[in-house]
Amino acid sequence: MYVINRTAAVIRPKEPLVEWINSQPDSVDNPVSLAQAREDPTIFLLPDYDTEEEAWSYVEELSRDMFEIELMSWYQDEAVWPRPRNYRTFRQWFDVELHTMVIDPYEDEIEREEFE
């Protein structure tokens, strides 16, 4: 097993995201619950950090990208995305958990592809 030199940031939606999802026209007949939105969270790998403050600065630095990736997973039409999409709004819309132990129990190479 291998410890990976990354921190895992688990991003879980909060009620404002669910309200936004359910305000979209195609969600009216099939609303999403908070529990459903939180079932399969997105995990971002961040650099290792020396202090918790440093970790949160990484989150802040990437918050707009994380916010937009989360929105894209629900609706790809950027015209309906909420504004502003800054760090403050990101933290209002998402819970963030930081985990320092990232372990890869497999020896095969990790495949990477560009996120679009």
PDB file of N, CA and C in Angstrom:
ATOM      1  N   MET A   1       0.843  -1.178   0.000  1.00  0.00           N
ATOM      2  CA  MET A   1       0.000   0.000   0.000  1.00  0.00           C
ATOM      3  C   MET A   1       0.887   1.240   0.000  1.00  0.00           C
ATOM      4  N   TYR A   2       0.362   2.294  -0.568  1.00  0.00           N
ATOM      5  CA  TYR A   2       1.124   3.525  -0.709  1.00  0.00           C
ATOM      6  C   TYR A   2       0.326   4.702  -0.172  1.00  0.00           C
ATOM      7  N   VAL A   3       0.976   5.523   0.631  1.00  0.00           N
ATOM      8  CA  VAL A   3       0.378   6.779   1.060  1.00  0.00           C
ATOM      9  C   VAL A   3       0.661   7.784  -0.049  1.00  0.00           C
ATOM     10  N   ILE A   4      -0.369   8.482  -0.479  1.00  0.00           N
ATOM     11  CA  ILE A   4      -0.241   9.462  -1.563  1.00  0.00           C
ATOM     12  C   ILE A   4      -0.024  10.843  -0.947  1.00  0.00           C
ATOM     13  N   ASN A   5       0.862  11.616  -1.517  1.00  0.00           N
ATOM     14  CA  ASN A   5       1.169  12.940  -0.982  1.00  0.00           C
ATOM     15  C   ASN A   5       0.123  13.971  -1.421  1.00  0.00           C
ATOM     16  N   ARG A   6      -1.102  13.694  -1.053  1.00  0.00           N
ATOM     17  CA  ARG A   6      -2.216  14.581  -1.347  1.00  0.00           C
ATOM     18  C   ARG A   6      -3.157  14.622  -0.140  1.00  0.00           C
ATOM     19  N   THR A   7      -3.977  15.653  -0.124  1.00  0.00           N
ATOM     20  CA  THR A   7      -5.059  15.786   0.838  1.00  0.00           C
ATOM     21  C   THR A   7      -6.351  15.640   0.049  1.00  0.00           C
ATOM     22  N   ALA A   8      -7.295  14.904   0.582  1.00  0.00           N
ATOM     23  CA  ALA A   8      -8.591  14.753  -0.087  1.00  0.00           C
ATOM     24  C   ALA A   8      -9.554  15.798   0.460  1.00  0.00           C
ATOM     25  N   ALA A   9     -10.164  16.542  -0.439  1.00  0.00           N
ATOM     26  CA  ALA A   9     -11.206  17.503  -0.076  1.00  0.00           C
ATOM     27  C   ALA A   9     -12.527  16.934  -0.585  1.00  0.00           C
ATOM     28  N   VAL A  10     -13.392  16.554   0.336  1.00  0.00           N
ATOM     29  CA  VAL A  10     -14.691  15.984  -0.004  1.00  0.00           C
ATOM     30  C   VAL A  10     -15.700  17.136  -0.023  1.00  0.00           C
ATOM     31  N   ILE A  11     -16.375  17.281  -1.156  1.00  0.00           N
ATOM     32  CA  ILE A  11     -17.308  18.392  -1.362  1.00  0.00           C
ATOM     33  C   ILE A  11     -18.734  17.846  -1.328  1.00  0.00           C
ATOM     34  N   ARG A  12     -19.533  18.308  -0.352  1.00  0.00           N
ATOM     35  CA  ARG A  12     -20.916  17.838  -0.221  1.00  0.00           C
ATOM     36  C   ARG A  12     -21.876  19.024  -0.331  1.00  0.00           C
ATOM     37  N   PRO A  13     -22.891  18.892  -1.181  1.00  0.00           N
ATOM     38  CA  PRO A  13     -23.864  19.971  -1.340  1.00  0.00           C
ATOM     39  C   PRO A  13     -24.624  20.270  -0.047  1.00  0.00           C
ATOM     40  N   LYS A  14     -25.006  21.534   0.080  1.00  0.00           N
ATOM     41  CA  LYS A  14     -25.877  21.984   1.159  1.00  0.00           C
ATOM     42  C   LYS A  14     -27.222  22.398   0.539  1.00  0.00           C
ATOM     43  N   GLU A  15     -28.120  22.805   1.378  1.00  0.00           N
ATOM     44  CA  GLU A  15     -29.482  23.136   0.937  1.00  0.00           C
ATOM     45  C   GLU A  15     -29.553  24.179  -0.191  1.00  0.00           C
ATOM     46  N   PRO A  16     -28.730  25.252  -0.194  1.00  0.00           N
ATOM     47  CA  PRO A  16     -28.838  26.213  -1.310  1.00  0.00           C
ATOM     48  C   PRO A  16     -28.639  25.581  -2.688  1.00  0.00           C
ATOM     49  N   LEU A  17     -27.727  24.605  -2.803  1.00  0.00           N
ATOM     50  CA  LEU A  17     -27.546  23.938  -4.098  1.00  0.00           C
ATOM     51  C   LEU A  17     -28.800  23.161  -4.464  1.00  0.00           C
ATOM     52  N   VAL A  18     -29.365  22.457  -3.514  1.00  0.00           N
ATOM     53  CA  VAL A  18     -30.573  21.667  -3.783  1.00  0.00           C
ATOM     54  C   VAL A  18     -31.725  22.588  -4.178  1.00  0.00           C
ATOM     55  N   GLU A  19     -31.854  23.710  -3.514  1.00  0.00           N
ATOM     56  CA  GLU A  19     -32.902  24.674  -3.881  1.00  0.00           C
ATOM     57  C   GLU A  19     -32.700  25.166  -5.308  1.00  0.00           C
ATOM     58  N   TRP A  20     -31.449  25.445  -5.676  1.00  0.00           N
ATOM     59  CA  TRP A  20     -31.159  25.889  -7.043  1.00  0.00           C
ATOM     60  C   TRP A  20     -31.485  24.785  -8.043  1.00  0.00           C
ATOM     61  N   ILE A  21     -31.067  23.550  -7.762  1.00  0.00           N
ATOM     62  CA  ILE A  21     -31.368  22.429  -8.657  1.00  0.00           C
ATOM     63  C   ILE A  21     -32.871  22.322  -8.873  1.00  0.00           C
ATOM     64  N   ASN A  22     -33.608  22.365  -7.775  1.00  0.00           N
ATOM     65  CA  ASN A  22     -35.060  22.181  -7.846  1.00  0.00           C
ATOM     66  C   ASN A  22     -35.794  23.386  -8.423  1.00  0.00           C
ATOM     67  N   SER A  23     -35.099  24.519  -8.574  1.00  0.00           N
ATOM     68  CA  SER A  23     -35.725  25.692  -9.199  1.00  0.00           C
ATOM     69  C   SER A  23     -35.631  25.647 -10.722  1.00  0.00           C
ATOM     70  N   GLN A  24     -34.868  24.702 -11.252  1.00  0.00           N
ATOM     71  CA  GLN A  24     -34.719  24.583 -12.703  1.00  0.00           C
ATOM     72  C   GLN A  24     -35.968  23.910 -13.287  1.00  0.00           C
ATOM     73  N   PRO A  25     -36.419  24.364 -14.457  1.00  0.00           N
ATOM     74  CA  PRO A  25     -37.676  23.861 -15.031  1.00  0.00           C
ATOM     75  C   PRO A  25     -37.779  22.335 -15.134  1.00  0.00           C
ATOM     76  N   ASP A  26     -36.710  21.662 -15.490  1.00  0.00           N
ATOM     77  CA  ASP A  26     -36.816  20.213 -15.659  1.00  0.00           C
ATOM     78  C   ASP A  26     -36.743  19.439 -14.340  1.00  0.00           C
ATOM     79  N   SER A  27     -36.593  20.140 -13.217  1.00  0.00           N
ATOM     80  CA  SER A  27     -36.579  19.480 -11.908  1.00  0.00           C
ATOM     81  C   SER A  27     -37.917  19.554 -11.195  1.00  0.00           C
ATOM     82  N   VAL A  28     -38.833  20.337 -11.711  1.00  0.00           N
ATOM     83  CA  VAL A  28     -40.120  20.541 -11.042  1.00  0.00           C
ATOM     84  C   VAL A  28     -40.848  19.218 -10.811  1.00  0.00           C
ATOM     85  N   ASP A  29     -40.851  18.341 -11.801  1.00  0.00           N
ATOM     86  CA  ASP A  29     -41.558  17.063 -11.675  1.00  0.00           C
ATOM     87  C   ASP A  29     -40.726  15.978 -10.996  1.00  0.00           C
ATOM     88  N   ASN A  30     -39.452  16.217 -10.827  1.00  0.00           N
ATOM     89  CA  ASN A  30     -38.575  15.218 -10.228  1.00  0.00           C
ATOM     90  C   ASN A  30     -37.565  15.902  -9.302  1.00  0.00           C
ATOM     91  N   PRO A  31     -38.034  16.475  -8.182  1.00  0.00           N
ATOM     92  CA  PRO A  31     -37.123  17.211  -7.306  1.00  0.00           C
ATOM     93  C   PRO A  31     -36.078  16.302  -6.659  1.00  0.00           C
ATOM     94  N   VAL A  32     -34.954  16.907  -6.320  1.00  0.00           N
ATOM     95  CA  VAL A  32     -33.841  16.213  -5.685  1.00  0.00           C
ATOM     96  C   VAL A  32     -33.845  16.565  -4.200  1.00  0.00           C
ATOM     97  N   SER A  33     -33.628  15.560  -3.359  1.00  0.00           N
ATOM     98  CA  SER A  33     -33.529  15.827  -1.923  1.00  0.00           C
ATOM     99  C   SER A  33     -32.074  16.129  -1.567  1.00  0.00           C
ATOM    100  N   LEU A  34     -31.878  16.705  -0.399  1.00  0.00           N
ATOM    101  CA  LEU A  34     -30.521  16.968   0.064  1.00  0.00           C
ATOM    102  C   LEU A  34     -29.753  15.652   0.208  1.00  0.00           C
ATOM    103  N   ALA A  35     -30.415  14.634   0.733  1.00  0.00           N
ATOM    104  CA  ALA A  35     -29.762  13.328   0.894  1.00  0.00           C
ATOM    105  C   ALA A  35     -29.311  12.770  -0.460  1.00  0.00           C
ATOM    106  N   GLN A  36     -30.141  12.900  -1.478  1.00  0.00           N
ATOM    107  CA  GLN A  36     -29.770  12.419  -2.817  1.00  0.00           C
ATOM    108  C   GLN A  36     -28.571  13.197  -3.365  1.00  0.00           C
ATOM    109  N   ALA A  37     -28.566  14.506  -3.173  1.00  0.00           N
ATOM    110  CA  ALA A  37     -27.489  15.348  -3.699  1.00  0.00           C
ATOM    111  C   ALA A  37     -26.158  15.045  -3.009  1.00  0.00           C
ATOM    112  N   ARG A  38     -26.223  14.551  -1.770  1.00  0.00           N
ATOM    113  CA  ARG A  38     -25.008  14.289  -0.999  1.00  0.00           C
ATOM    114  C   ARG A  38     -24.518  12.836  -1.096  1.00  0.00           C
ATOM    115  N   GLU A  39     -25.262  11.986  -1.821  1.00  0.00           N
ATOM    116  CA  GLU A  39     -24.947  10.553  -1.880  1.00  0.00           C
ATOM    117  C   GLU A  39     -23.559  10.226  -2.417  1.00  0.00           C
ATOM    118  N   ASP A  40     -23.146  10.862  -3.460  1.00  0.00           N
ATOM    119  CA  ASP A  40     -21.887  10.528  -4.123  1.00  0.00           C
ATOM    120  C   ASP A  40     -21.063  11.807  -4.273  1.00  0.00           C
ATOM    121  N   PRO A  41     -20.380  12.241  -3.203  1.00  0.00           N
ATOM    122  CA  PRO A  41     -19.694  13.532  -3.255  1.00  0.00           C
ATOM    123  C   PRO A  41     -18.488  13.516  -4.190  1.00  0.00           C
ATOM    124  N   THR A  42     -18.132  14.688  -4.654  1.00  0.00           N
ATOM    125  CA  THR A  42     -16.933  14.872  -5.453  1.00  0.00           C
ATOM    126  C   THR A  42     -15.751  15.000  -4.499  1.00  0.00           C
ATOM    127  N   ILE A  43     -14.636  14.403  -4.892  1.00  0.00           N
ATOM    128  CA  ILE A  43     -13.424  14.488  -4.081  1.00  0.00           C
ATOM    129  C   ILE A  43     -12.324  15.099  -4.932  1.00  0.00           C
ATOM    130  N   PHE A  44     -11.730  16.163  -4.413  1.00  0.00           N
ATOM    131  CA  PHE A  44     -10.614  16.827  -5.080  1.00  0.00           C
ATOM    132  C   PHE A  44      -9.345  16.491  -4.315  1.00  0.00           C
ATOM    133  N   LEU A  45      -8.280  16.222  -5.038  1.00  0.00           N
ATOM    134  CA  LEU A  45      -6.990  15.994  -4.399  1.00  0.00           C
ATOM    135  C   LEU A  45      -6.212  17.307  -4.383  1.00  0.00           C
ATOM    136  N   LEU A  46      -5.831  17.708  -3.187  1.00  0.00           N
ATOM    137  CA  LEU A  46      -5.077  18.933  -2.974  1.00  0.00           C
ATOM    138  C   LEU A  46      -3.653  18.568  -2.567  1.00  0.00           C
ATOM    139  N   PRO A  47      -2.730  19.517  -2.643  1.00  0.00           N
ATOM    140  CA  PRO A  47      -1.378  19.240  -2.162  1.00  0.00           C
ATOM    141  C   PRO A  47      -1.388  18.952  -0.656  1.00  0.00           C
ATOM    142  N   ASP A  48      -0.346  18.272  -0.195  1.00  0.00           N
ATOM    143  CA  ASP A  48      -0.151  18.138   1.247  1.00  0.00           C
ATOM    144  C   ASP A  48      -0.019  19.535   1.839  1.00  0.00           C
ATOM    145  N   TYR A  49      -0.288  19.655   3.109  1.00  0.00           N
ATOM    146  CA  TYR A  49      -0.141  20.960   3.751  1.00  0.00           C
ATOM    147  C   TYR A  49       0.518  20.796   5.110  1.00  0.00           C
ATOM    148  N   ASP A  50       1.093  21.903   5.579  1.00  0.00           N
ATOM    149  CA  ASP A  50       1.740  21.908   6.891  1.00  0.00           C
ATOM    150  C   ASP A  50       0.793  22.383   7.988  1.00  0.00           C
ATOM    151  N   THR A  51      -0.121  23.276   7.621  1.00  0.00           N
ATOM    152  CA  THR A  51      -1.081  23.787   8.599  1.00  0.00           C
ATOM    153  C   THR A  51      -2.484  23.710   8.002  1.00  0.00           C
ATOM    154  N   GLU A  52      -3.469  23.664   8.857  1.00  0.00           N
ATOM    155  CA  GLU A  52      -4.849  23.643   8.380  1.00  0.00           C
ATOM    156  C   GLU A  52      -5.174  24.928   7.618  1.00  0.00           C
ATOM    157  N   GLU A  53      -4.611  26.040   8.048  1.00  0.00           N
ATOM    158  CA  GLU A  53      -4.808  27.316   7.350  1.00  0.00           C
ATOM    159  C   GLU A  53      -4.336  27.220   5.896  1.00  0.00           C
ATOM    160  N   GLU A  54      -3.210  26.556   5.704  1.00  0.00           N
ATOM    161  CA  GLU A  54      -2.683  26.361   4.349  1.00  0.00           C
ATOM    162  C   GLU A  54      -3.646  25.523   3.513  1.00  0.00           C
ATOM    163  N   ALA A  55      -4.221  24.482   4.105  1.00  0.00           N
ATOM    164  CA  ALA A  55      -5.178  23.638   3.383  1.00  0.00           C
ATOM    165  C   ALA A  55      -6.392  24.452   2.944  1.00  0.00           C
ATOM    166  N   TRP A  56      -6.896  25.281   3.851  1.00  0.00           N
ATOM    167  CA  TRP A  56      -8.066  26.089   3.499  1.00  0.00           C
ATOM    168  C   TRP A  56      -7.727  27.122   2.429  1.00  0.00           C
ATOM    169  N   SER A  57      -6.469  27.565   2.377  1.00  0.00           N
ATOM    170  CA  SER A  57      -6.094  28.494   1.304  1.00  0.00           C
ATOM    171  C   SER A  57      -6.119  27.791  -0.050  1.00  0.00           C
ATOM    172  N   TYR A  58      -5.761  26.486  -0.086  1.00  0.00           N
ATOM    173  CA  TYR A  58      -5.894  25.716  -1.328  1.00  0.00           C
ATOM    174  C   TYR A  58      -7.363  25.617  -1.736  1.00  0.00           C
ATOM    175  N   VAL A  59      -8.218  25.350  -0.765  1.00  0.00           N
ATOM    176  CA  VAL A  59      -9.657  25.257  -1.054  1.00  0.00           C
ATOM    177  C   VAL A  59     -10.161  26.586  -1.600  1.00  0.00           C
ATOM    178  N   GLU A  60      -9.768  27.674  -0.953  1.00  0.00           N
ATOM    179  CA  GLU A  60     -10.203  28.991  -1.420  1.00  0.00           C
ATOM    180  C   GLU A  60      -9.712  29.266  -2.839  1.00  0.00           C
ATOM    181  N   GLU A  61      -8.463  28.918  -3.100  1.00  0.00           N
ATOM    182  CA  GLU A  61      -7.870  29.142  -4.424  1.00  0.00           C
ATOM    183  C   GLU A  61      -8.630  28.390  -5.519  1.00  0.00           C
ATOM    184  N   LEU A  62      -9.092  27.195  -5.214  1.00  0.00           N
ATOM    185  CA  LEU A  62      -9.786  26.357  -6.201  1.00  0.00           C
ATOM    186  C   LEU A  62     -11.308  26.439  -6.114  1.00  0.00           C
ATOM    187  N   SER A  63     -11.815  27.247  -5.216  1.00  0.00           N
ATOM    188  CA  SER A  63     -13.258  27.233  -4.938  1.00  0.00           C
ATOM    189  C   SER A  63     -14.123  27.546  -6.166  1.00  0.00           C
ATOM    190  N   ARG A  64     -13.721  28.483  -6.981  1.00  0.00           N
ATOM    191  CA  ARG A  64     -14.527  28.788  -8.171  1.00  0.00           C
ATOM    192  C   ARG A  64     -14.583  27.590  -9.114  1.00  0.00           C
ATOM    193  N   ASP A  65     -13.432  26.952  -9.339  1.00  0.00           N
ATOM    194  CA  ASP A  65     -13.404  25.765 -10.199  1.00  0.00           C
ATOM    195  C   ASP A  65     -14.247  24.640  -9.595  1.00  0.00           C
ATOM    196  N   MET A  66     -14.103  24.422  -8.293  1.00  0.00           N
ATOM    197  CA  MET A  66     -14.895  23.379  -7.640  1.00  0.00           C
ATOM    198  C   MET A  66     -16.385  23.675  -7.750  1.00  0.00           C
ATOM    199  N   PHE A  67     -16.755  24.932  -7.526  1.00  0.00           N
ATOM    200  CA  PHE A  67     -18.143  25.358  -7.617  1.00  0.00           C
ATOM    201  C   PHE A  67     -18.679  25.060  -9.020  1.00  0.00           C
ATOM    202  N   GLU A  68     -17.932  25.444 -10.032  1.00  0.00           N
ATOM    203  CA  GLU A  68     -18.393  25.266 -11.410  1.00  0.00           C
ATOM    204  C   GLU A  68     -18.452  23.789 -11.807  1.00  0.00           C
ATOM    205  N   ILE A  69     -17.544  22.982 -11.327  1.00  0.00           N
ATOM    206  CA  ILE A  69     -17.606  21.547 -11.614  1.00  0.00           C
ATOM    207  C   ILE A  69     -18.851  20.942 -10.979  1.00  0.00           C
ATOM    208  N   GLU A  70     -19.157  21.356  -9.770  1.00  0.00           N
ATOM    209  CA  GLU A  70     -20.376  20.864  -9.111  1.00  0.00           C
ATOM    210  C   GLU A  70     -21.630  21.297  -9.869  1.00  0.00           C
ATOM    211  N   LEU A  71     -21.682  22.555 -10.292  1.00  0.00           N
ATOM    212  CA  LEU A  71     -22.841  23.036 -11.055  1.00  0.00           C
ATOM    213  C   LEU A  71     -22.966  22.287 -12.377  1.00  0.00           C
ATOM    214  N   MET A  72     -21.831  22.079 -13.046  1.00  0.00           N
ATOM    215  CA  MET A  72     -21.824  21.392 -14.336  1.00  0.00           C
ATOM    216  C   MET A  72     -22.353  19.962 -14.205  1.00  0.00           C
ATOM    217  N   SER A  73     -22.125  19.349 -13.054  1.00  0.00           N
ATOM    218  CA  SER A  73     -22.596  17.971 -12.886  1.00  0.00           C
ATOM    219  C   SER A  73     -24.119  17.907 -12.839  1.00  0.00           C
ATOM    220  N   TRP A  74     -24.763  19.043 -12.585  1.00  0.00           N
ATOM    221  CA  TRP A  74     -26.229  19.079 -12.568  1.00  0.00           C
ATOM    222  C   TRP A  74     -26.797  19.708 -13.839  1.00  0.00           C
ATOM    223  N   TYR A  75     -26.203  20.822 -14.271  1.00  0.00           N
ATOM    224  CA  TYR A  75     -26.684  21.539 -15.468  1.00  0.00           C
ATOM    225  C   TYR A  75     -25.491  22.104 -16.218  1.00  0.00           C
ATOM    226  N   GLN A  76     -25.373  21.740 -17.485  1.00  0.00           N
ATOM    227  CA  GLN A  76     -24.238  22.206 -18.268  1.00  0.00           C
ATOM    228  C   GLN A  76     -24.450  23.596 -18.863  1.00  0.00           C
ATOM    229  N   ASP A  77     -25.668  24.083 -18.839  1.00  0.00           N
ATOM    230  CA  ASP A  77     -25.959  25.413 -19.380  1.00  0.00           C
ATOM    231  C   ASP A  77     -25.505  26.473 -18.383  1.00  0.00           C
ATOM    232  N   GLU A  78     -24.374  27.096 -18.666  1.00  0.00           N
ATOM    233  CA  GLU A  78     -23.803  28.084 -17.757  1.00  0.00           C
ATOM    234  C   GLU A  78     -24.707  29.304 -17.566  1.00  0.00           C
ATOM    235  N   ALA A  79     -25.623  29.517 -18.489  1.00  0.00           N
ATOM    236  CA  ALA A  79     -26.531  30.662 -18.379  1.00  0.00           C
ATOM    237  C   ALA A  79     -27.431  30.567 -17.155  1.00  0.00           C
ATOM    238  N   VAL A  80     -27.680  29.360 -16.660  1.00  0.00           N
ATOM    239  CA  VAL A  80     -28.557  29.205 -15.492  1.00  0.00           C
ATOM    240  C   VAL A  80     -27.775  29.088 -14.178  1.00  0.00           C
ATOM    241  N   TRP A  81     -26.460  29.115 -14.258  1.00  0.00           N
ATOM    242  CA  TRP A  81     -25.642  29.005 -13.052  1.00  0.00           C
ATOM    243  C   TRP A  81     -25.793  30.255 -12.188  1.00  0.00           C
ATOM    244  N   PRO A  82     -25.807  30.085 -10.900  1.00  0.00           N
ATOM    245  CA  PRO A  82     -25.959  31.234  -9.990  1.00  0.00           C
ATOM    246  C   PRO A  82     -24.710  32.109  -9.960  1.00  0.00           C
ATOM    247  N   ARG A  83     -24.910  33.327  -9.573  1.00  0.00           N
ATOM    248  CA  ARG A  83     -23.829  34.291  -9.366  1.00  0.00           C
ATOM    249  C   ARG A  83     -24.044  34.925  -8.008  1.00  0.00           C
ATOM    250  N   PRO A  84     -23.025  35.325  -7.329  1.00  0.00           N
ATOM    251  CA  PRO A  84     -21.625  35.128  -7.646  1.00  0.00           C
ATOM    252  C   PRO A  84     -21.182  33.708  -7.313  1.00  0.00           C
ATOM    253  N   ARG A  85     -20.093  33.312  -7.922  1.00  0.00           N
ATOM    254  CA  ARG A  85     -19.521  31.989  -7.640  1.00  0.00           C
ATOM    255  C   ARG A  85     -18.157  32.180  -6.979  1.00  0.00           C
ATOM    256  N   ASN A  86     -18.174  32.905  -5.892  1.00  0.00           N
ATOM    257  CA  ASN A  86     -16.942  33.190  -5.162  1.00  0.00           C
ATOM    258  C   ASN A  86     -16.791  32.227  -3.973  1.00  0.00           C
ATOM    259  N   TYR A  87     -15.736  32.396  -3.216  1.00  0.00           N
ATOM    260  CA  TYR A  87     -15.442  31.507  -2.088  1.00  0.00           C
ATOM    261  C   TYR A  87     -16.538  31.563  -1.029  1.00  0.00           C
ATOM    262  N   ARG A  88     -16.995  32.748  -0.736  1.00  0.00           N
ATOM    263  CA  ARG A  88     -18.045  32.904   0.286  1.00  0.00           C
ATOM    264  C   ARG A  88     -19.299  32.123  -0.097  1.00  0.00           C
ATOM    265  N   THR A  89     -19.739  32.266  -1.335  1.00  0.00           N
ATOM    266  CA  THR A  89     -20.929  31.556  -1.799  1.00  0.00           C
ATOM    267  C   THR A  89     -20.668  30.054  -1.855  1.00  0.00           C
ATOM    268  N   PHE A  90     -19.481  29.673  -2.296  1.00  0.00           N
ATOM    269  CA  PHE A  90     -19.109  28.263  -2.333  1.00  0.00           C
ATOM    270  C   PHE A  90     -19.281  27.637  -0.950  1.00  0.00           C
ATOM    271  N   ARG A  91     -18.794  28.308   0.078  1.00  0.00           N
ATOM    272  CA  ARG A  91     -18.885  27.758   1.442  1.00  0.00           C
ATOM    273  C   ARG A  91     -20.330  27.750   1.950  1.00  0.00           C
ATOM    274  N   GLN A  92     -21.165  28.647   1.442  1.00  0.00           N
ATOM    275  CA  GLN A  92     -22.582  28.627   1.808  1.00  0.00           C
ATOM    276  C   GLN A  92     -23.305  27.463   1.139  1.00  0.00           C
ATOM    277  N   TRP A  93     -22.847  27.059  -0.025  1.00  0.00           N
ATOM    278  CA  TRP A  93     -23.519  26.028  -0.824  1.00  0.00           C
ATOM    279  C   TRP A  93     -22.949  24.630  -0.621  1.00  0.00           C
ATOM    280  N   PHE A  94     -21.738  24.530  -0.043  1.00  0.00           N
ATOM    281  CA  PHE A  94     -21.078  23.225   0.081  1.00  0.00           C
ATOM    282  C   PHE A  94     -20.380  23.076   1.424  1.00  0.00           C
ATOM    283  N   ASP A  95     -20.458  21.854   1.967  1.00  0.00           N
ATOM    284  CA  ASP A  95     -19.612  21.454   3.083  1.00  0.00           C
ATOM    285  C   ASP A  95     -18.317  20.934   2.490  1.00  0.00           C
ATOM    286  N   VAL A  96     -17.215  21.202   3.164  1.00  0.00           N
ATOM    287  CA  VAL A  96     -15.914  20.715   2.712  1.00  0.00           C
ATOM    288  C   VAL A  96     -15.268  19.976   3.882  1.00  0.00           C
ATOM    289  N   GLU A  97     -14.879  18.733   3.626  1.00  0.00           N
ATOM    290  CA  GLU A  97     -14.159  17.936   4.612  1.00  0.00           C
ATOM    291  C   GLU A  97     -12.748  17.706   4.081  1.00  0.00           C
ATOM    292  N   LEU A  98     -11.750  17.909   4.919  1.00  0.00           N
ATOM    293  CA  LEU A  98     -10.365  17.661   4.526  1.00  0.00           C
ATOM    294  C   LEU A  98      -9.878  16.385   5.190  1.00  0.00           C
ATOM    295  N   HIS A  99      -9.228  15.536   4.407  1.00  0.00           N
ATOM    296  CA  HIS A  99      -8.693  14.271   4.903  1.00  0.00           C
ATOM    297  C   HIS A  99      -7.235  14.150   4.478  1.00  0.00           C
ATOM    298  N   THR A 100      -6.363  13.912   5.445  1.00  0.00           N
ATOM    299  CA  THR A 100      -4.930  13.905   5.159  1.00  0.00           C
ATOM    300  C   THR A 100      -4.373  12.537   4.797  1.00  0.00           C
ATOM    301  N   MET A 101      -5.071  11.482   5.153  1.00  0.00           N
ATOM    302  CA  MET A 101      -4.575  10.133   4.842  1.00  0.00           C
ATOM    303  C   MET A 101      -5.234   9.639   3.554  1.00  0.00           C
ATOM    304  N   VAL A 102      -4.484   9.674   2.480  1.00  0.00           N
ATOM    305  CA  VAL A 102      -4.945   9.168   1.192  1.00  0.00           C
ATOM    306  C   VAL A 102      -4.053   7.989   0.861  1.00  0.00           C
ATOM    307  N   ILE A 103      -4.643   6.807   0.808  1.00  0.00           N
ATOM    308  CA  ILE A 103      -3.884   5.583   0.622  1.00  0.00           C
ATOM    309  C   ILE A 103      -4.328   4.886  -0.654  1.00  0.00           C
ATOM    310  N   ASP A 104      -3.347   4.468  -1.434  1.00  0.00           N
ATOM    311  CA  ASP A 104      -3.601   3.714  -2.661  1.00  0.00           C
ATOM    312  C   ASP A 104      -3.092   2.287  -2.438  1.00  0.00           C
ATOM    313  N   PRO A 105      -4.008   1.319  -2.307  1.00  0.00           N
ATOM    314  CA  PRO A 105      -3.567  -0.052  -2.043  1.00  0.00           C
ATOM    315  C   PRO A 105      -3.139  -0.830  -3.293  1.00  0.00           C
ATOM    316  N   TYR A 106      -3.168  -0.198  -4.453  1.00  0.00           N
ATOM    317  CA  TYR A 106      -2.860  -0.897  -5.694  1.00  0.00           C
ATOM    318  C   TYR A 106      -1.563  -0.403  -6.309  1.00  0.00           C
ATOM    319  N   GLU A 107      -0.890  -1.296  -7.025  1.00  0.00           N
ATOM    320  CA  GLU A 107       0.381  -0.942  -7.651  1.00  0.00           C
ATOM    321  C   GLU A 107       0.226  -0.429  -9.076  1.00  0.00           C
ATOM    322  N   ASP A 108      -0.932  -0.648  -9.705  1.00  0.00           N
ATOM    323  CA  ASP A 108      -1.083  -0.202 -11.087  1.00  0.00           C
ATOM    324  C   ASP A 108      -1.094   1.329 -11.152  1.00  0.00           C
ATOM    325  N   GLU A 109      -0.705   1.838 -12.314  1.00  0.00           N
ATOM    326  CA  GLU A 109      -0.617   3.274 -12.528  1.00  0.00           C
ATOM    327  C   GLU A 109      -1.982   3.938 -12.403  1.00  0.00           C
ATOM    328  N   ILE A 110      -1.987   5.142 -11.889  1.00  0.00           N
ATOM    329  CA  ILE A 110      -3.200   5.942 -11.845  1.00  0.00           C
ATOM    330  C   ILE A 110      -3.349   6.627 -13.202  1.00  0.00           C
ATOM    331  N   GLU A 111      -4.495   6.462 -13.813  1.00  0.00           N
ATOM    332  CA  GLU A 111      -4.731   7.088 -15.112  1.00  0.00           C
ATOM    333  C   GLU A 111      -5.331   8.463 -14.895  1.00  0.00           C
ATOM    334  N   ARG A 112      -4.866   9.406 -15.684  1.00  0.00           N
ATOM    335  CA  ARG A 112      -5.359  10.781 -15.583  1.00  0.00           C
ATOM    336  C   ARG A 112      -5.855  11.228 -16.943  1.00  0.00           C
ATOM    337  N   GLU A 113      -6.939  11.948 -16.942  1.00  0.00           N
ATOM    338  CA  GLU A 113      -7.413  12.569 -18.171  1.00  0.00           C
ATOM    339  C   GLU A 113      -7.936  13.949 -17.840  1.00  0.00           C
ATOM    340  N   GLU A 114      -7.819  14.836 -18.786  1.00  0.00           N
ATOM    341  CA  GLU A 114      -8.226  16.216 -18.612  1.00  0.00           C
ATOM    342  C   GLU A 114      -9.722  16.301 -18.355  1.00  0.00           C
ATOM    343  N   PHE A 115     -10.124  17.069 -17.343  1.00  0.00           N
ATOM    344  CA  PHE A 115     -11.548  17.289 -17.070  1.00  0.00           C
ATOM    345  C   PHE A 115     -12.022  18.430 -17.948  1.00  0.00           C
ATOM    346  N   GLU A 116     -13.087  18.169 -18.667  1.00  0.00           N
ATOM    347  CA  GLU A 116     -13.636  19.215 -19.551  1.00  0.00           C
ATOM    348  C   GLU A 116     -15.067  19.469 -19.245  1.00  0.00           C
TER     349      GLU A 116
END
